[in-house]
C-alpha atoms as a PDB file:
ATOM      1  CA  MET A   1     -24.165   6.778  13.642  1.00  0.00           C
ATOM      2  CA  SER A   2     -20.112   4.429  14.240  1.00  0.00           C
ATOM      3  CA  ASP A   3     -18.109   5.005  12.214  1.00  0.00           C
ATOM      4  CA  TYR A   4     -17.201   3.783   9.628  1.00  0.00           C
ATOM      5  CA  GLU A   5     -16.920   3.360   5.839  1.00  0.00           C
ATOM      6  CA  VAL A   6     -16.797   0.062   3.411  1.00  0.00           C
ATOM      7  CA  LEU A   7     -15.402   0.649   0.056  1.00  0.00           C
ATOM      8  CA  GLU A   8     -14.735  -2.252  -2.512  1.00  0.00           C
ATOM      9  CA  ILE A   9     -12.275  -1.797  -3.854  1.00  0.00           C
ATOM     10  CA  GLY A  10     -12.270  -4.991  -6.068  1.00  0.00           C
ATOM     11  CA  GLY A  11     -10.635  -8.547  -6.221  1.00  0.00           C
ATOM     12  CA  LEU A  12      -7.081  -8.496  -7.274  1.00  0.00           C
ATOM     13  CA  ASP A  13      -7.231  -9.479 -10.571  1.00  0.00           C
ATOM     14  CA  GLU A  14      -9.148  -6.344 -10.827  1.00  0.00           C
ATOM     15  CA  TRP A  15      -7.163  -3.758  -9.392  1.00  0.00           C
ATOM     16  CA  ARG A  16      -4.957  -3.520 -13.301  1.00  0.00           C
ATOM     17  CA  GLU A  17      -8.235  -2.143 -14.285  1.00  0.00           C
ATOM     18  CA  HIS A  18      -7.903   1.650 -12.044  1.00  0.00           C
ATOM     19  CA  PHE A  19      -6.848   4.169 -12.516  1.00  0.00           C
ATOM     20  CA  GLY A  20      -4.933   7.032  -9.631  1.00  0.00           C
ATOM     21  CA  GLY A  21      -2.187   8.891  -9.087  1.00  0.00           C
ATOM     22  CA  PHE A  22      -2.256  12.180  -5.621  1.00  0.00           C
ATOM     23  CA  ARG A  23      -1.994  14.862  -8.827  1.00  0.00           C
ATOM     24  CA  PRO A  24      -3.177  14.431 -12.219  1.00  0.00           C
ATOM     25  CA  GLU A  25       0.487  13.791 -13.882  1.00  0.00           C
ATOM     26  CA  SER A  26       1.294  11.265 -11.853  1.00  0.00           C
ATOM     27  CA  SER A  27      -2.068   9.058 -12.369  1.00  0.00           C
ATOM     28  CA  ARG A  28      -1.433   6.126 -13.914  1.00  0.00           C
ATOM     29  CA  ASP A  29      -2.567   2.885 -14.421  1.00  0.00           C
ATOM     30  CA  GLY A  30      -2.895  -0.136 -11.417  1.00  0.00           C
ATOM     31  CA  ARG A  31      -3.519   2.559  -8.999  1.00  0.00           C
ATOM     32  CA  ARG A  32      -5.648   3.503  -7.074  1.00  0.00           C
ATOM     33  CA  VAL A  33      -6.008   6.263  -3.845  1.00  0.00           C
ATOM     34  CA  VAL A  34      -7.701   4.316  -1.644  1.00  0.00           C
ATOM     35  CA  ASP A  35      -7.717   7.411   0.957  1.00  0.00           C
ATOM     36  CA  HIS A  36      -9.209   9.708  -1.810  1.00  0.00           C
ATOM     37  CA  ASP A  37     -12.483   7.902  -1.114  1.00  0.00           C
ATOM     38  CA  LEU A  38     -12.699   6.430   2.130  1.00  0.00           C
ATOM     39  CA  THR A  39     -12.356   9.519   5.292  1.00  0.00           C
ATOM     40  CA  MET A  40      -9.340   8.510   6.672  1.00  0.00           C
ATOM     41  CA  GLN A  41      -7.808  10.469   8.955  1.00  0.00           C
ATOM     42  CA  TYR A  42      -4.480   9.376  10.351  1.00  0.00           C
ATOM     43  CA  ILE A  43      -2.741   6.638   7.255  1.00  0.00           C
ATOM     44  CA  GLY A  44      -3.630   6.456   3.541  1.00  0.00           C
ATOM     45  CA  MET A  45      -3.629   3.291   1.589  1.00  0.00           C
ATOM     46  CA  THR A  46      -3.220   2.874  -2.141  1.00  0.00           C
ATOM     47  CA  ALA A  47      -3.971  -0.442  -4.287  1.00  0.00           C
ATOM     48  CA  ASN A  48      -1.548  -0.857  -7.323  1.00  0.00           C
ATOM     49  CA  ALA A  49      -0.975  -3.521  -9.820  1.00  0.00           C
ATOM     50  CA  LEU A  50       1.671  -3.227 -12.089  1.00  0.00           C
ATOM     51  CA  GLU A  51       2.738  -5.748 -15.278  1.00  0.00           C
ATOM     52  CA  PRO A  52       5.774  -8.458 -15.585  1.00  0.00           C
ATOM     53  CA  GLY A  53       8.510  -6.057 -16.448  1.00  0.00           C
ATOM     54  CA  GLU A  54       6.063  -2.233 -16.089  1.00  0.00           C
ATOM     55  CA  GLU A  55       8.372  -0.348 -13.821  1.00  0.00           C
ATOM     56  CA  ALA A  56       7.143   2.883 -11.237  1.00  0.00           C
ATOM     57  CA  GLY A  57       9.748   5.073 -13.721  1.00  0.00           C
ATOM     58  CA  TYR A  58      10.930   7.497 -10.527  1.00  0.00           C
ATOM     59  CA  TRP A  59      12.110   7.378  -7.393  1.00  0.00           C
ATOM     60  CA  HIS A  60      10.586   9.213  -3.783  1.00  0.00           C
ATOM     61  CA  THR A  61      11.695   9.586  -0.384  1.00  0.00           C
ATOM     62  CA  HIS A  62       9.400  11.314   2.662  1.00  0.00           C
ATOM     63  CA  SER A  63      10.550  13.869   5.193  1.00  0.00           C
ATOM     64  CA  ARG A  64       7.889  13.130   7.299  1.00  0.00           C
ATOM     65  CA  VAL A  65       6.134   9.588   5.746  1.00  0.00           C
ATOM     66  CA  GLU A  66       6.251   5.703   6.853  1.00  0.00           C
ATOM     67  CA  GLU A  67       5.055   3.659   4.180  1.00  0.00           C
ATOM     68  CA  LEU A  68       4.642  -0.304   4.676  1.00  0.00           C
ATOM     69  CA  TYR A  69       4.173  -2.467   1.595  1.00  0.00           C
ATOM     70  CA  VAL A  70       2.341  -5.826   1.405  1.00  0.00           C
ATOM     71  CA  PHE A  71       3.097  -7.824  -1.299  1.00  0.00           C
ATOM     72  CA  LEU A  72       0.135 -10.058  -2.215  1.00  0.00           C
ATOM     73  CA  GLY A  73       0.593 -11.256  -5.513  1.00  0.00           C
ATOM     74  CA  GLY A  74       2.855 -11.686  -8.323  1.00  0.00           C
ATOM     75  CA  ARG A  75       7.374 -10.910  -8.225  1.00  0.00           C
ATOM     76  CA  GLY A  76       8.923  -8.200  -8.014  1.00  0.00           C
ATOM     77  CA  GLN A  77      11.452  -5.630  -6.427  1.00  0.00           C
ATOM     78  CA  MET A  78      12.578  -2.425  -4.456  1.00  0.00           C
ATOM     79  CA  GLY A  79      15.178  -0.667  -4.960  1.00  0.00           C
ATOM     80  CA  LEU A  80      16.218   0.249  -1.696  1.00  0.00           C
ATOM     81  CA  ASP A  81      18.810   3.493  -1.234  1.00  0.00           C
ATOM     82  CA  GLY A  82      21.403   0.812  -2.706  1.00  0.00           C
ATOM     83  CA  GLU A  83      20.038  -2.074  -2.285  1.00  0.00           C
ATOM     84  CA  VAL A  84      17.480  -4.282  -4.432  1.00  0.00           C
ATOM     85  CA  VAL A  85      15.339  -6.427  -2.954  1.00  0.00           C
ATOM     86  CA  ASP A  86      12.823  -8.833  -4.483  1.00  0.00           C
ATOM     87  CA  VAL A  87       9.706  -8.923  -3.114  1.00  0.00           C
ATOM     88  CA  GLY A  88       7.259 -10.801  -3.865  1.00  0.00           C
ATOM     89  CA  PRO A  89       3.488 -12.955  -1.820  1.00  0.00           C
ATOM     90  CA  GLY A  90       3.816 -12.505   2.148  1.00  0.00           C
ATOM     91  CA  SER A  91       6.722 -10.421   1.117  1.00  0.00           C
ATOM     92  CA  VAL A  92       5.711  -7.165   3.551  1.00  0.00           C
ATOM     93  CA  VAL A  93       8.834  -3.640   3.328  1.00  0.00           C
ATOM     94  CA  ARG A  94       8.357  -1.127   5.643  1.00  0.00           C
ATOM     95  CA  VAL A  95      10.286   2.465   4.548  1.00  0.00           C
ATOM     96  CA  GLY A  96      10.825   4.938   7.314  1.00  0.00           C
ATOM     97  CA  GLN A  97      11.549   8.411   5.986  1.00  0.00           C
ATOM     98  CA  GLY A  98      14.093   9.939   4.190  1.00  0.00           C
ATOM     99  CA  VAL A  99      14.530   6.261   1.928  1.00  0.00           C
ATOM    100  CA  TRP A 100      14.797   6.732  -1.447  1.00  0.00           C
ATOM    101  CA  ARG A 101      12.091   3.789  -3.147  1.00  0.00           C
ATOM    102  CA  THR A 102      11.206   2.181  -6.546  1.00  0.00           C
ATOM    103  CA  TRP A 103      10.308  -0.801  -7.500  1.00  0.00           C
ATOM    104  CA  ARG A 104       9.258  -3.188 -10.794  1.00  0.00           C
ATOM    105  CA  CYS A 105       7.368  -6.122 -11.544  1.00  0.00           C
ATOM    106  CA  VAL A 106      10.102  -8.811 -12.752  1.00  0.00           C
ATOM    107  CA  PRO A 107       9.930  -8.225 -16.988  1.00  0.00           C
ATOM    108  CA  ASP A 108      10.150 -12.610 -17.094  1.00  0.00           C
ATOM    109  CA  GLY A 109       7.241 -12.768 -14.775  1.00  0.00           C
ATOM    110  CA  SER A 110       3.817 -14.010 -15.576  1.00  0.00           C
ATOM    111  CA  GLU A 111       2.080 -12.310 -13.569  1.00  0.00           C
ATOM    112  CA  GLN A 112       1.140  -9.273 -12.147  1.00  0.00           C
ATOM    113  CA  LEU A 113       2.995  -7.700  -8.952  1.00  0.00           C
ATOM    114  CA  ARG A 114       0.328  -6.058  -6.488  1.00  0.00           C
ATOM    115  CA  TRP A 115      -0.010  -4.595  -3.195  1.00  0.00           C
ATOM    116  CA  LEU A 116      -0.593  -2.182  -0.858  1.00  0.00           C
ATOM    117  CA  CYS A 117       1.161   0.335  -0.082  1.00  0.00           C
ATOM    118  CA  ILE A 118      -0.427   1.934   3.267  1.00  0.00           C
ATOM    119  CA  ARG A 119       0.622   5.583   4.281  1.00  0.00           C
ATOM    120  CA  ALA A 120       0.759   7.013   7.760  1.00  0.00           C
ATOM    121  CA  GLY A 121       2.744  10.234   9.484  1.00  0.00           C
ATOM    122  CA  GLY A 122       2.387  12.114  11.956  1.00  0.00           C
ATOM    123  CA  SER A 123       2.728  10.982  15.726  1.00  0.00           C
ATOM    124  CA  GLU A 124       4.857   8.224  16.772  1.00  0.00           C
ATOM    125  CA  LEU A 125       1.444   5.390  17.616  1.00  0.00           C
ATOM    126  CA  PRO A 126       0.770   4.755  20.687  1.00  0.00           C
ATOM    127  CA  HIS A 127       1.354   1.069  22.031  1.00  0.00           C
ATOM    128  CA  LEU A 128      -0.872  -1.816  21.345  1.00  0.00           C
ATOM    129  CA  PRO A 129      -2.973  -2.227  23.415  1.00  0.00           C
ATOM    130  CA  ASP A 130      -2.499  -0.524  25.563  1.00  0.00           C
ATOM    131  CA  ASP A 131      -4.971   2.677  23.982  1.00  0.00           C
ATOM    132  CA  GLY A 132      -7.643  -1.015  23.231  1.00  0.00           C
ATOM    133  CA  GLN A 133     -10.335  -2.007  25.672  1.00  0.00           C
ATOM    134  CA  ARG A 134     -12.217  -5.555  25.274  1.00  0.00           C
ATOM    135  CA  ASP A 135     -15.724  -6.729  26.064  1.00  0.00           C
ATOM    136  CA  ASN A 136     -15.972 -10.360  26.388  1.00  0.00           C
ATOM    137  CA  ASP A 137     -19.770 -10.535  27.228  1.00  0.00           C
ATOM    138  CA  ARG A 138     -20.801  -8.730  24.791  1.00  0.00           C
ATOM    139  CA  PRO A 139     -22.061 -11.499  22.362  1.00  0.00           C
ATOM    140  CA  SER A 140     -21.246 -11.818  18.069  1.00  0.00           C
ATOM    141  CA  PRO A 141     -23.448 -10.004  15.877  1.00  0.00           C
ATOM    142  CA  TRP A 142     -23.728 -13.871  14.020  1.00  0.00           C
END
């Protein structure tokens, strides 16, 4: 059997219906911890949605994990150490170890702030595509 899994997390407009977190006391509406549903070894991911005016309500940092926030809908802001950065569809924010972060959906927004948070830790990634392999002669399956 090949080493892959498929999970349907729903369209962006369905993300608010998710309820989850890493611990029961940190769970909330609008969060799905995808790596709790899939066998992920080296990366983690959450799918998130906040209502206009809603915010994380806490700051956090990681000592070994790097995070990548990919914003897909709505308007929001991230607090990054002492700075505030505006985010919206197409914004991608990398946050390294030791950086304090928090986020919110702007109060005057007309739609939910939706994003993926991709987490990775451990050793550095190989310089890609050095670990990849290509087969130009293999026919496409469709």
